[in-house]
Amino acid sequence: MRKATAAAALAVLFTLSSAPAHAETTPSDRVTIDVVTVNGSGCKQGTAEVIVSSDNTSFWVIYSDYLAQAGKGAGATDFRKNCQLNLQINTPQGFTYGIAQATYAGFAHLERGATGNQWVNYYFQGQSANNVKKHAFTGPFDDNWSITHKTEFADIVWAPCGEKRNLNVNSALRVDKGSADANTNSFMTMDYTRGEVRTLFHFSWKRC
């Protein structure tokens, strides 16, 4: 039942959000993505999946077990979770791409006195792992959360034409109990436990 719900959410979200900024340069041949490596406590084997939209304008990273928690019932290392994906994006001949926009989302329950943090950066193989973006949340908080990073066209970093440079997508969640009651539990997720797909990347395309 859960898989069916997630599939339905995919269909709806692809329809609503697959709006290319430069449609005239979007390749018509199918774009595919191979997950080369998956590492991290937030995306154990079999809990991260990548799906490309049918119109080649975006792709989803679907996490199914990405949870950081602190307080009652949490293990010693549960307060921080991370995920490192290495993706080979197979582009049609004559095109290159960059990431124009990325949206991360999930659910958080933070007790009063607790805090949560989300980090993310993405870069091409051979580049420095810089430009880390961090967002903080403060309890009390009990709701869905969503963060969008948008890059102006002039500032987009493009994959080198004619070279195989994999895309690294790194993220992390951290929850600190702080001054919250020791008998309470605070947590953050970045997954689709509520039947909603969580992480969306929009391509920007140009001809080589």
N, C-alpha and C. Protein backbone atom coordinates (compact mmCIF):
# COMPACT_ATOMS: atom_id res chain seq x y z
N MET A 1 0.82 -1.19 0.00
CA MET A 1 0.00 0.00 0.00
C MET A 1 0.86 1.25 0.00
N ARG A 2 1.95 1.22 0.79
CA ARG A 2 2.82 2.36 0.86
C ARG A 2 3.50 2.64 -0.46
N LYS A 3 3.90 1.57 -1.21
CA LYS A 3 4.54 1.76 -2.50
C LYS A 3 3.57 2.39 -3.48
N ALA A 4 2.33 1.97 -3.43
CA ALA A 4 1.33 2.53 -4.33
C ALA A 4 1.13 4.02 -4.05
N THR A 5 1.10 4.37 -2.77
CA THR A 5 0.94 5.77 -2.39
C THR A 5 2.11 6.59 -2.88
N ALA A 6 3.34 6.09 -2.71
CA ALA A 6 4.53 6.81 -3.15
C ALA A 6 4.52 6.97 -4.66
N ALA A 7 4.09 5.93 -5.39
CA ALA A 7 4.04 6.01 -6.85
C ALA A 7 3.03 7.06 -7.29
N ALA A 8 1.90 7.12 -6.61
CA ALA A 8 0.89 8.13 -6.94
C ALA A 8 1.42 9.53 -6.69
N ALA A 9 2.16 9.68 -5.57
CA ALA A 9 2.74 10.98 -5.27
C ALA A 9 3.74 11.38 -6.34
N LEU A 10 4.53 10.43 -6.81
CA LEU A 10 5.48 10.70 -7.89
C LEU A 10 4.77 11.23 -9.12
N ALA A 11 3.72 10.55 -9.53
CA ALA A 11 3.01 10.93 -10.74
C ALA A 11 2.47 12.35 -10.63
N VAL A 12 1.88 12.69 -9.48
CA VAL A 12 1.32 14.02 -9.29
C VAL A 12 2.41 15.07 -9.26
N LEU A 13 3.49 14.81 -8.50
CA LEU A 13 4.53 15.80 -8.34
C LEU A 13 5.30 16.04 -9.63
N PHE A 14 5.55 15.00 -10.41
CA PHE A 14 6.20 15.18 -11.70
C PHE A 14 5.34 16.09 -12.58
N THR A 15 4.04 15.90 -12.57
CA THR A 15 3.14 16.69 -13.39
C THR A 15 3.18 18.15 -12.97
N LEU A 16 3.22 18.39 -11.65
CA LEU A 16 3.15 19.75 -11.15
C LEU A 16 4.46 20.50 -11.24
N SER A 17 5.59 19.79 -11.13
CA SER A 17 6.85 20.51 -10.94
C SER A 17 7.83 20.37 -12.08
N SER A 18 7.52 19.63 -13.11
CA SER A 18 8.46 19.46 -14.21
C SER A 18 8.30 20.59 -15.21
N ALA A 19 8.73 21.77 -14.82
CA ALA A 19 8.59 22.96 -15.66
C ALA A 19 9.97 23.51 -15.99
N PRO A 20 10.54 23.15 -17.15
CA PRO A 20 11.89 23.58 -17.48
C PRO A 20 11.97 25.07 -17.72
N ALA A 21 13.07 25.66 -17.25
CA ALA A 21 13.27 27.09 -17.45
C ALA A 21 13.67 27.39 -18.89
N HIS A 22 14.31 26.45 -19.56
CA HIS A 22 14.78 26.65 -20.94
C HIS A 22 14.37 25.43 -21.75
N ALA A 23 13.08 25.33 -22.04
CA ALA A 23 12.54 24.14 -22.67
C ALA A 23 13.14 23.87 -24.04
N GLU A 24 13.55 24.93 -24.74
CA GLU A 24 14.06 24.73 -26.09
C GLU A 24 15.38 23.98 -26.11
N THR A 25 16.10 23.93 -24.99
CA THR A 25 17.38 23.23 -24.95
C THR A 25 17.30 21.90 -24.21
N THR A 26 16.12 21.51 -23.77
CA THR A 26 15.98 20.23 -23.08
C THR A 26 16.10 19.10 -24.10
N PRO A 27 16.99 18.13 -23.88
CA PRO A 27 17.15 17.02 -24.84
C PRO A 27 15.90 16.17 -24.92
N SER A 28 15.61 15.68 -26.13
CA SER A 28 14.44 14.82 -26.31
C SER A 28 14.78 13.36 -26.05
N ASP A 29 16.05 12.97 -26.25
CA ASP A 29 16.45 11.60 -25.95
C ASP A 29 16.45 11.37 -24.44
N ARG A 30 16.15 10.16 -24.04
CA ARG A 30 15.98 9.83 -22.63
C ARG A 30 17.25 10.02 -21.82
N VAL A 31 17.11 10.71 -20.71
CA VAL A 31 18.20 10.87 -19.75
C VAL A 31 18.06 9.78 -18.69
N THR A 32 19.15 9.12 -18.36
CA THR A 32 19.12 8.10 -17.31
C THR A 32 20.18 8.43 -16.25
N ILE A 33 19.98 7.88 -15.07
CA ILE A 33 20.92 8.10 -13.97
C ILE A 33 21.27 6.76 -13.33
N ASP A 34 22.58 6.51 -13.19
CA ASP A 34 23.06 5.31 -12.49
C ASP A 34 23.59 5.73 -11.12
N VAL A 35 23.15 5.04 -10.08
CA VAL A 35 23.67 5.29 -8.73
C VAL A 35 24.95 4.47 -8.59
N VAL A 36 26.09 5.15 -8.60
CA VAL A 36 27.39 4.47 -8.57
C VAL A 36 27.72 4.00 -7.17
N THR A 37 27.60 4.89 -6.18
CA THR A 37 27.84 4.51 -4.79
C THR A 37 26.81 5.18 -3.89
N VAL A 38 26.51 4.52 -2.79
CA VAL A 38 25.62 5.04 -1.75
C VAL A 38 26.31 4.79 -0.41
N ASN A 39 26.57 5.84 0.33
CA ASN A 39 27.23 5.69 1.63
C ASN A 39 26.56 6.58 2.66
N GLY A 40 26.50 6.11 3.88
CA GLY A 40 26.02 6.95 4.96
C GLY A 40 24.97 6.27 5.82
N SER A 41 24.89 6.74 7.05
CA SER A 41 23.96 6.17 8.01
C SER A 41 22.51 6.53 7.71
N GLY A 42 22.31 7.56 6.87
CA GLY A 42 20.95 7.97 6.53
C GLY A 42 20.40 7.30 5.28
N CYS A 43 21.25 6.54 4.59
CA CYS A 43 20.78 5.87 3.36
C CYS A 43 21.45 4.50 3.25
N LYS A 44 21.11 3.65 4.15
CA LYS A 44 21.66 2.30 4.13
C LYS A 44 21.24 1.59 2.85
N GLN A 45 21.92 0.52 2.54
CA GLN A 45 21.68 -0.23 1.31
C GLN A 45 20.19 -0.48 1.08
N GLY A 46 19.69 -0.08 -0.09
CA GLY A 46 18.31 -0.33 -0.44
C GLY A 46 17.32 0.72 0.02
N THR A 47 17.80 1.81 0.64
CA THR A 47 16.87 2.82 1.16
C THR A 47 16.97 4.14 0.41
N ALA A 48 17.71 4.20 -0.71
CA ALA A 48 17.78 5.41 -1.53
C ALA A 48 17.58 5.02 -2.99
N GLU A 49 16.77 5.78 -3.68
CA GLU A 49 16.43 5.49 -5.07
C GLU A 49 16.42 6.79 -5.86
N VAL A 50 16.78 6.72 -7.15
CA VAL A 50 16.77 7.90 -8.02
C VAL A 50 15.86 7.63 -9.21
N ILE A 51 14.98 8.59 -9.51
CA ILE A 51 14.06 8.48 -10.63
C ILE A 51 14.10 9.77 -11.43
N VAL A 52 14.23 9.65 -12.77
CA VAL A 52 14.26 10.81 -13.66
C VAL A 52 12.85 11.07 -14.19
N SER A 53 12.46 12.35 -14.25
CA SER A 53 11.15 12.69 -14.80
C SER A 53 11.10 12.34 -16.29
N SER A 54 9.92 12.08 -16.79
CA SER A 54 9.76 11.63 -18.17
C SER A 54 10.12 12.70 -19.19
N ASP A 55 10.12 13.98 -18.77
CA ASP A 55 10.44 15.06 -19.70
C ASP A 55 11.88 15.57 -19.57
N ASN A 56 12.71 14.85 -18.80
CA ASN A 56 14.14 15.17 -18.65
C ASN A 56 14.42 16.50 -17.97
N THR A 57 13.47 17.05 -17.25
CA THR A 57 13.71 18.34 -16.61
C THR A 57 14.14 18.24 -15.15
N SER A 58 13.99 17.06 -14.54
CA SER A 58 14.27 16.95 -13.12
C SER A 58 14.47 15.49 -12.73
N PHE A 59 14.97 15.30 -11.51
CA PHE A 59 15.05 13.94 -10.97
C PHE A 59 14.83 13.98 -9.47
N TRP A 60 14.34 12.85 -8.98
CA TRP A 60 14.05 12.69 -7.56
C TRP A 60 15.07 11.78 -6.91
N VAL A 61 15.46 12.12 -5.69
CA VAL A 61 16.16 11.19 -4.82
C VAL A 61 15.18 10.82 -3.71
N ILE A 62 14.85 9.53 -3.62
CA ILE A 62 13.84 9.07 -2.67
C ILE A 62 14.53 8.32 -1.54
N TYR A 63 14.41 8.85 -0.34
CA TYR A 63 14.95 8.20 0.85
C TYR A 63 13.80 7.53 1.61
N SER A 64 14.03 6.34 2.11
CA SER A 64 12.96 5.65 2.84
C SER A 64 13.32 5.36 4.30
N ASP A 65 14.52 5.74 4.73
CA ASP A 65 14.88 5.47 6.13
C ASP A 65 15.91 6.50 6.61
N TYR A 66 15.57 7.78 6.43
CA TYR A 66 16.49 8.88 6.75
C TYR A 66 15.94 9.60 7.97
N LEU A 67 16.42 9.23 9.15
CA LEU A 67 15.86 9.71 10.42
C LEU A 67 16.98 9.99 11.41
N ALA A 68 17.00 11.21 11.94
CA ALA A 68 17.90 11.57 13.04
C ALA A 68 17.03 11.88 14.26
N GLN A 69 17.47 11.43 15.44
CA GLN A 69 16.66 11.65 16.64
C GLN A 69 17.54 11.77 17.88
N ALA A 70 16.99 12.41 18.89
CA ALA A 70 17.69 12.57 20.16
C ALA A 70 16.66 12.55 21.29
N GLY A 71 17.11 12.12 22.45
CA GLY A 71 16.22 12.06 23.60
C GLY A 71 15.83 10.63 23.93
N LYS A 72 14.69 10.46 24.53
CA LYS A 72 14.24 9.14 24.98
C LYS A 72 14.13 8.16 23.82
N GLY A 73 14.74 6.99 23.99
CA GLY A 73 14.67 5.94 22.99
C GLY A 73 15.70 6.04 21.88
N ALA A 74 16.46 7.13 21.80
CA ALA A 74 17.46 7.30 20.75
C ALA A 74 18.78 6.67 21.14
N GLY A 75 19.45 6.05 20.17
CA GLY A 75 20.77 5.48 20.41
C GLY A 75 21.84 6.56 20.45
N ALA A 76 23.04 6.18 20.83
CA ALA A 76 24.12 7.15 21.02
C ALA A 76 24.52 7.86 19.72
N THR A 77 24.34 7.20 18.58
CA THR A 77 24.74 7.81 17.31
C THR A 77 23.55 8.26 16.46
N ASP A 78 22.36 8.18 17.00
CA ASP A 78 21.16 8.51 16.22
C ASP A 78 20.96 10.00 16.00
N PHE A 79 21.70 10.84 16.73
CA PHE A 79 21.45 12.28 16.64
C PHE A 79 21.91 12.86 15.30
N ARG A 80 22.80 12.14 14.60
CA ARG A 80 23.27 12.65 13.30
C ARG A 80 23.22 11.53 12.27
N LYS A 81 22.62 11.84 11.10
CA LYS A 81 22.59 10.92 9.98
C LYS A 81 23.05 11.64 8.73
N ASN A 82 23.72 10.91 7.86
CA ASN A 82 24.21 11.54 6.63
C ASN A 82 24.04 10.59 5.45
N CYS A 83 24.10 11.15 4.25
CA CYS A 83 24.00 10.33 3.03
C CYS A 83 24.88 10.95 1.96
N GLN A 84 25.71 10.12 1.32
CA GLN A 84 26.57 10.54 0.23
C GLN A 84 26.25 9.69 -0.99
N LEU A 85 25.74 10.34 -2.04
CA LEU A 85 25.40 9.66 -3.29
C LEU A 85 26.36 10.10 -4.39
N ASN A 86 26.83 9.14 -5.17
CA ASN A 86 27.63 9.43 -6.35
C ASN A 86 26.82 8.98 -7.56
N LEU A 87 26.41 9.94 -8.40
CA LEU A 87 25.48 9.66 -9.49
C LEU A 87 26.14 9.87 -10.86
N GLN A 88 25.97 8.90 -11.72
CA GLN A 88 26.40 9.04 -13.11
C GLN A 88 25.17 9.42 -13.94
N ILE A 89 25.15 10.66 -14.40
CA ILE A 89 24.01 11.15 -15.17
C ILE A 89 24.35 11.02 -16.66
N ASN A 90 23.63 10.15 -17.33
CA ASN A 90 23.91 9.82 -18.73
C ASN A 90 23.14 10.77 -19.63
N THR A 91 23.85 11.74 -20.20
CA THR A 91 23.23 12.78 -21.00
C THR A 91 23.33 12.46 -22.49
N PRO A 92 22.34 12.87 -23.27
CA PRO A 92 22.40 12.67 -24.71
C PRO A 92 23.58 13.43 -25.32
N GLN A 93 24.09 12.94 -26.43
CA GLN A 93 25.25 13.56 -27.08
C GLN A 93 24.91 15.00 -27.47
N GLY A 94 25.88 15.89 -27.22
CA GLY A 94 25.71 17.28 -27.60
C GLY A 94 25.10 18.15 -26.53
N PHE A 95 24.84 17.59 -25.33
CA PHE A 95 24.24 18.37 -24.24
C PHE A 95 25.09 18.26 -22.98
N THR A 96 24.98 19.29 -22.16
CA THR A 96 25.52 19.23 -20.81
C THR A 96 24.48 19.82 -19.86
N TYR A 97 24.69 19.64 -18.57
CA TYR A 97 23.67 20.04 -17.60
C TYR A 97 24.30 20.66 -16.36
N GLY A 98 23.49 21.38 -15.63
CA GLY A 98 23.82 21.85 -14.30
C GLY A 98 22.58 21.71 -13.44
N ILE A 99 22.71 21.97 -12.14
CA ILE A 99 21.57 21.90 -11.24
C ILE A 99 21.07 23.33 -11.00
N ALA A 100 19.86 23.61 -11.48
CA ALA A 100 19.30 24.95 -11.38
C ALA A 100 18.58 25.17 -10.05
N GLN A 101 18.03 24.10 -9.50
CA GLN A 101 17.23 24.23 -8.28
C GLN A 101 17.14 22.88 -7.59
N ALA A 102 17.15 22.91 -6.27
CA ALA A 102 17.01 21.68 -5.48
C ALA A 102 16.09 21.94 -4.30
N THR A 103 15.18 21.02 -4.07
CA THR A 103 14.25 21.13 -2.94
C THR A 103 14.39 19.90 -2.05
N TYR A 104 14.60 20.15 -0.77
CA TYR A 104 14.69 19.10 0.24
C TYR A 104 13.52 19.28 1.19
N ALA A 105 12.94 18.17 1.63
CA ALA A 105 11.79 18.27 2.51
C ALA A 105 11.69 17.04 3.40
N GLY A 106 10.90 17.16 4.45
CA GLY A 106 10.70 16.05 5.37
C GLY A 106 9.73 16.45 6.45
N PHE A 107 9.86 15.81 7.58
CA PHE A 107 9.01 16.10 8.73
C PHE A 107 9.90 16.21 9.97
N ALA A 108 9.53 17.11 10.87
CA ALA A 108 10.31 17.26 12.11
C ALA A 108 9.37 17.41 13.31
N HIS A 109 9.78 16.77 14.38
CA HIS A 109 9.13 16.98 15.68
C HIS A 109 10.25 17.33 16.66
N LEU A 110 10.28 18.59 17.07
CA LEU A 110 11.31 19.08 17.99
C LEU A 110 10.63 19.61 19.25
N GLU A 111 11.00 19.04 20.37
CA GLU A 111 10.46 19.51 21.65
C GLU A 111 11.04 20.89 21.99
N ARG A 112 10.36 21.61 22.86
CA ARG A 112 10.87 22.91 23.30
C ARG A 112 12.28 22.73 23.90
N GLY A 113 13.23 23.51 23.43
CA GLY A 113 14.62 23.40 23.89
C GLY A 113 15.50 22.59 22.98
N ALA A 114 14.90 21.80 22.07
CA ALA A 114 15.68 21.00 21.12
C ALA A 114 15.89 21.78 19.81
N THR A 115 16.91 21.38 19.06
CA THR A 115 17.19 22.02 17.78
C THR A 115 17.46 20.95 16.71
N GLY A 116 17.24 21.32 15.47
CA GLY A 116 17.54 20.44 14.35
C GLY A 116 18.28 21.19 13.27
N ASN A 117 19.13 20.49 12.53
CA ASN A 117 19.89 21.12 11.45
C ASN A 117 19.89 20.21 10.23
N GLN A 118 19.85 20.82 9.06
CA GLN A 118 19.95 20.10 7.79
C GLN A 118 21.05 20.75 6.97
N TRP A 119 21.98 19.91 6.46
CA TRP A 119 23.06 20.38 5.59
C TRP A 119 22.91 19.73 4.21
N VAL A 120 23.40 20.42 3.18
CA VAL A 120 23.43 19.81 1.86
C VAL A 120 24.48 20.51 0.99
N ASN A 121 25.13 19.75 0.14
CA ASN A 121 25.91 20.32 -0.95
C ASN A 121 25.98 19.30 -2.08
N TYR A 122 26.15 19.79 -3.29
CA TYR A 122 26.30 18.91 -4.45
C TYR A 122 27.34 19.52 -5.38
N TYR A 123 28.16 18.67 -5.97
CA TYR A 123 29.28 19.14 -6.78
C TYR A 123 29.72 18.01 -7.70
N PHE A 124 30.40 18.40 -8.77
CA PHE A 124 30.88 17.41 -9.73
C PHE A 124 32.20 16.79 -9.28
N GLN A 125 32.40 15.55 -9.66
CA GLN A 125 33.62 14.82 -9.34
C GLN A 125 34.83 15.63 -9.79
N GLY A 126 35.81 15.78 -8.90
CA GLY A 126 37.00 16.56 -9.20
C GLY A 126 36.94 17.99 -8.70
N GLN A 127 35.76 18.45 -8.29
CA GLN A 127 35.60 19.78 -7.72
C GLN A 127 35.73 19.72 -6.20
N SER A 128 35.92 20.89 -5.60
CA SER A 128 35.96 20.96 -4.14
C SER A 128 34.56 20.83 -3.59
N ALA A 129 34.46 20.17 -2.45
CA ALA A 129 33.15 19.97 -1.80
C ALA A 129 32.82 21.20 -0.95
N ASN A 130 32.61 22.33 -1.64
CA ASN A 130 32.32 23.56 -0.90
C ASN A 130 30.86 23.96 -1.10
N ASN A 131 30.54 25.21 -0.78
CA ASN A 131 29.19 25.74 -0.96
C ASN A 131 28.15 24.91 -0.18
N VAL A 132 28.50 24.58 1.05
CA VAL A 132 27.56 23.83 1.90
C VAL A 132 26.47 24.76 2.40
N LYS A 133 25.21 24.31 2.27
CA LYS A 133 24.07 25.11 2.74
C LYS A 133 23.52 24.45 4.00
N LYS A 134 23.26 25.25 5.01
CA LYS A 134 22.80 24.74 6.30
C LYS A 134 21.55 25.49 6.74
N HIS A 135 20.58 24.75 7.27
CA HIS A 135 19.35 25.36 7.78
C HIS A 135 19.07 24.83 9.18
N ALA A 136 18.68 25.73 10.05
CA ALA A 136 18.43 25.38 11.45
C ALA A 136 16.94 25.47 11.78
N PHE A 137 16.51 24.58 12.65
CA PHE A 137 15.13 24.56 13.13
C PHE A 137 15.16 24.54 14.67
N THR A 138 14.22 25.25 15.28
CA THR A 138 14.19 25.36 16.73
C THR A 138 12.85 24.89 17.27
N GLY A 139 12.89 24.07 18.32
CA GLY A 139 11.66 23.62 18.93
C GLY A 139 11.04 24.69 19.81
N PRO A 140 9.73 24.65 20.03
CA PRO A 140 8.84 23.56 19.59
C PRO A 140 8.50 23.67 18.10
N PHE A 141 8.55 22.52 17.43
CA PHE A 141 8.24 22.43 16.00
C PHE A 141 7.67 21.04 15.75
N ASP A 142 6.54 20.99 15.05
CA ASP A 142 5.91 19.71 14.75
C ASP A 142 5.16 19.85 13.42
N ASP A 143 5.90 19.68 12.31
CA ASP A 143 5.29 19.96 11.01
C ASP A 143 6.20 19.46 9.90
N ASN A 144 5.66 19.46 8.67
CA ASN A 144 6.50 19.24 7.50
C ASN A 144 7.45 20.41 7.33
N TRP A 145 8.62 20.18 6.76
CA TRP A 145 9.54 21.26 6.44
C TRP A 145 9.98 21.10 4.99
N SER A 146 10.33 22.21 4.36
CA SER A 146 10.76 22.22 2.97
C SER A 146 11.73 23.36 2.74
N ILE A 147 12.83 23.08 2.05
CA ILE A 147 13.86 24.08 1.78
C ILE A 147 14.21 23.99 0.29
N THR A 148 14.25 25.14 -0.40
CA THR A 148 14.59 25.18 -1.82
C THR A 148 15.81 26.06 -2.04
N HIS A 149 16.80 25.52 -2.77
CA HIS A 149 17.98 26.28 -3.16
C HIS A 149 17.88 26.53 -4.67
N LYS A 150 17.89 27.80 -5.07
CA LYS A 150 17.80 28.14 -6.49
C LYS A 150 19.06 28.86 -6.93
N THR A 151 19.59 28.47 -8.09
CA THR A 151 20.80 29.07 -8.64
C THR A 151 20.45 29.86 -9.89
N GLU A 152 20.86 31.12 -9.94
CA GLU A 152 20.62 31.92 -11.13
C GLU A 152 21.36 31.30 -12.32
N PHE A 153 20.80 31.44 -13.51
CA PHE A 153 21.35 30.80 -14.70
C PHE A 153 22.83 31.14 -14.89
N ALA A 154 23.19 32.39 -14.65
CA ALA A 154 24.58 32.82 -14.86
C ALA A 154 25.55 32.18 -13.87
N ASP A 155 25.02 31.68 -12.76
CA ASP A 155 25.87 31.10 -11.71
C ASP A 155 25.87 29.57 -11.69
N ILE A 156 25.14 28.94 -12.59
CA ILE A 156 25.07 27.48 -12.61
C ILE A 156 26.44 26.89 -12.98
N VAL A 157 26.84 25.86 -12.26
CA VAL A 157 28.07 25.12 -12.57
C VAL A 157 27.69 23.97 -13.50
N TRP A 158 28.33 23.92 -14.67
CA TRP A 158 27.97 22.93 -15.69
C TRP A 158 28.93 21.75 -15.68
N ALA A 159 28.39 20.58 -15.97
CA ALA A 159 29.26 19.41 -16.17
C ALA A 159 30.10 19.65 -17.42
N PRO A 160 31.40 19.36 -17.38
CA PRO A 160 32.26 19.61 -18.55
C PRO A 160 31.79 18.80 -19.77
N CYS A 161 31.71 19.44 -20.91
CA CYS A 161 31.30 18.76 -22.13
C CYS A 161 32.32 17.69 -22.52
N GLY A 162 31.83 16.53 -22.90
CA GLY A 162 32.71 15.47 -23.39
C GLY A 162 33.45 14.72 -22.31
N GLU A 163 33.18 14.99 -21.03
CA GLU A 163 33.85 14.30 -19.93
C GLU A 163 32.82 13.60 -19.04
N LYS A 164 33.25 12.51 -18.43
CA LYS A 164 32.40 11.81 -17.47
C LYS A 164 32.73 12.31 -16.08
N ARG A 165 31.92 13.21 -15.56
CA ARG A 165 32.10 13.72 -14.21
C ARG A 165 30.83 13.41 -13.41
N ASN A 166 30.94 12.49 -12.50
CA ASN A 166 29.78 12.12 -11.70
C ASN A 166 29.38 13.26 -10.77
N LEU A 167 28.11 13.27 -10.41
CA LEU A 167 27.57 14.27 -9.50
C LEU A 167 27.50 13.70 -8.10
N ASN A 168 28.12 14.39 -7.14
CA ASN A 168 28.05 14.01 -5.74
C ASN A 168 26.95 14.80 -5.05
N VAL A 169 26.07 14.10 -4.36
CA VAL A 169 24.99 14.73 -3.59
C VAL A 169 25.15 14.31 -2.14
N ASN A 170 25.52 15.26 -1.30
CA ASN A 170 25.77 14.96 0.11
C ASN A 170 24.77 15.72 0.99
N SER A 171 24.26 15.06 1.99
CA SER A 171 23.31 15.69 2.90
C SER A 171 23.48 15.12 4.31
N ALA A 172 22.94 15.86 5.28
CA ALA A 172 23.02 15.40 6.67
C ALA A 172 21.89 16.01 7.48
N LEU A 173 21.45 15.27 8.48
CA LEU A 173 20.48 15.75 9.46
C LEU A 173 21.10 15.61 10.85
N ARG A 174 20.81 16.58 11.72
CA ARG A 174 21.31 16.49 13.10
C ARG A 174 20.25 17.04 14.05
N VAL A 175 20.02 16.32 15.12
CA VAL A 175 19.07 16.75 16.15
C VAL A 175 19.80 16.79 17.49
N ASP A 176 19.70 17.91 18.19
CA ASP A 176 20.29 18.05 19.52
C ASP A 176 19.18 18.23 20.55
N LYS A 177 19.23 17.43 21.60
CA LYS A 177 18.19 17.46 22.64
C LYS A 177 18.17 18.79 23.36
N GLY A 178 19.34 19.42 23.52
CA GLY A 178 19.41 20.70 24.21
C GLY A 178 18.82 20.63 25.59
N SER A 179 17.94 21.58 25.90
CA SER A 179 17.34 21.64 27.24
C SER A 179 15.98 20.96 27.31
N ALA A 180 15.64 20.19 26.25
CA ALA A 180 14.34 19.52 26.25
C ALA A 180 14.26 18.47 27.35
N ASP A 181 13.04 18.19 27.79
CA ASP A 181 12.81 17.18 28.83
C ASP A 181 13.44 15.85 28.40
N ALA A 182 14.20 15.24 29.29
CA ALA A 182 14.90 13.99 28.99
C ALA A 182 13.94 12.85 28.66
N ASN A 183 12.69 12.96 29.07
CA ASN A 183 11.71 11.90 28.80
C ASN A 183 10.98 12.09 27.47
N THR A 184 11.43 13.05 26.65
CA THR A 184 10.81 13.29 25.35
C THR A 184 11.77 12.91 24.23
N ASN A 185 11.23 12.76 23.04
CA ASN A 185 12.03 12.42 21.87
C ASN A 185 11.81 13.48 20.80
N SER A 186 12.91 13.95 20.21
CA SER A 186 12.86 14.89 19.09
C SER A 186 13.49 14.23 17.87
N PHE A 187 12.95 14.52 16.68
CA PHE A 187 13.49 13.86 15.49
C PHE A 187 13.27 14.71 14.24
N MET A 188 14.04 14.40 13.20
CA MET A 188 13.88 14.97 11.86
C MET A 188 13.98 13.84 10.85
N THR A 189 13.15 13.88 9.83
CA THR A 189 13.22 12.90 8.75
C THR A 189 13.41 13.60 7.41
N MET A 190 13.95 12.86 6.47
CA MET A 190 13.99 13.31 5.08
C MET A 190 13.66 12.08 4.23
N ASP A 191 12.38 11.67 4.29
CA ASP A 191 11.97 10.46 3.59
C ASP A 191 10.51 10.59 3.16
N TYR A 192 9.91 9.49 2.71
CA TYR A 192 8.53 9.56 2.25
C TYR A 192 7.62 8.69 3.10
N THR A 193 7.83 8.71 4.41
CA THR A 193 7.03 7.87 5.30
C THR A 193 5.56 8.27 5.29
N ARG A 194 5.25 9.49 4.89
CA ARG A 194 3.86 9.92 4.83
C ARG A 194 3.31 9.88 3.41
N GLY A 195 3.95 9.09 2.54
CA GLY A 195 3.46 8.94 1.19
C GLY A 195 3.84 10.08 0.27
N GLU A 196 4.81 10.90 0.67
CA GLU A 196 5.22 12.03 -0.14
C GLU A 196 6.70 11.90 -0.48
N VAL A 197 7.03 12.13 -1.75
CA VAL A 197 8.42 12.06 -2.18
C VAL A 197 9.10 13.37 -1.80
N ARG A 198 10.37 13.29 -1.37
CA ARG A 198 10.94 14.40 -0.64
C ARG A 198 11.97 15.28 -1.33
N THR A 199 12.82 14.78 -2.19
CA THR A 199 13.95 15.56 -2.67
C THR A 199 13.92 15.66 -4.19
N LEU A 200 13.91 16.88 -4.71
CA LEU A 200 13.76 17.12 -6.13
C LEU A 200 14.87 18.03 -6.65
N PHE A 201 15.52 17.62 -7.74
CA PHE A 201 16.54 18.43 -8.40
C PHE A 201 16.05 18.80 -9.80
N HIS A 202 16.16 20.09 -10.14
CA HIS A 202 15.80 20.54 -11.48
C HIS A 202 17.07 20.73 -12.31
N PHE A 203 17.08 20.12 -13.49
CA PHE A 203 18.17 20.31 -14.43
C PHE A 203 18.06 21.68 -15.10
N SER A 204 19.22 22.20 -15.50
CA SER A 204 19.27 23.23 -16.53
C SER A 204 20.15 22.66 -17.63
N TRP A 205 19.73 22.77 -18.88
CA TRP A 205 20.44 22.16 -19.99
C TRP A 205 21.00 23.22 -20.93
N LYS A 206 22.13 22.89 -21.57
CA LYS A 206 22.62 23.72 -22.67
C LYS A 206 23.38 22.83 -23.63
N ARG A 207 23.50 23.31 -24.86
CA ARG A 207 24.20 22.54 -25.88
C ARG A 207 25.70 22.76 -25.77
N CYS A 208 26.45 21.71 -26.02
CA CYS A 208 27.92 21.82 -25.97
C CYS A 208 28.46 22.48 -27.24
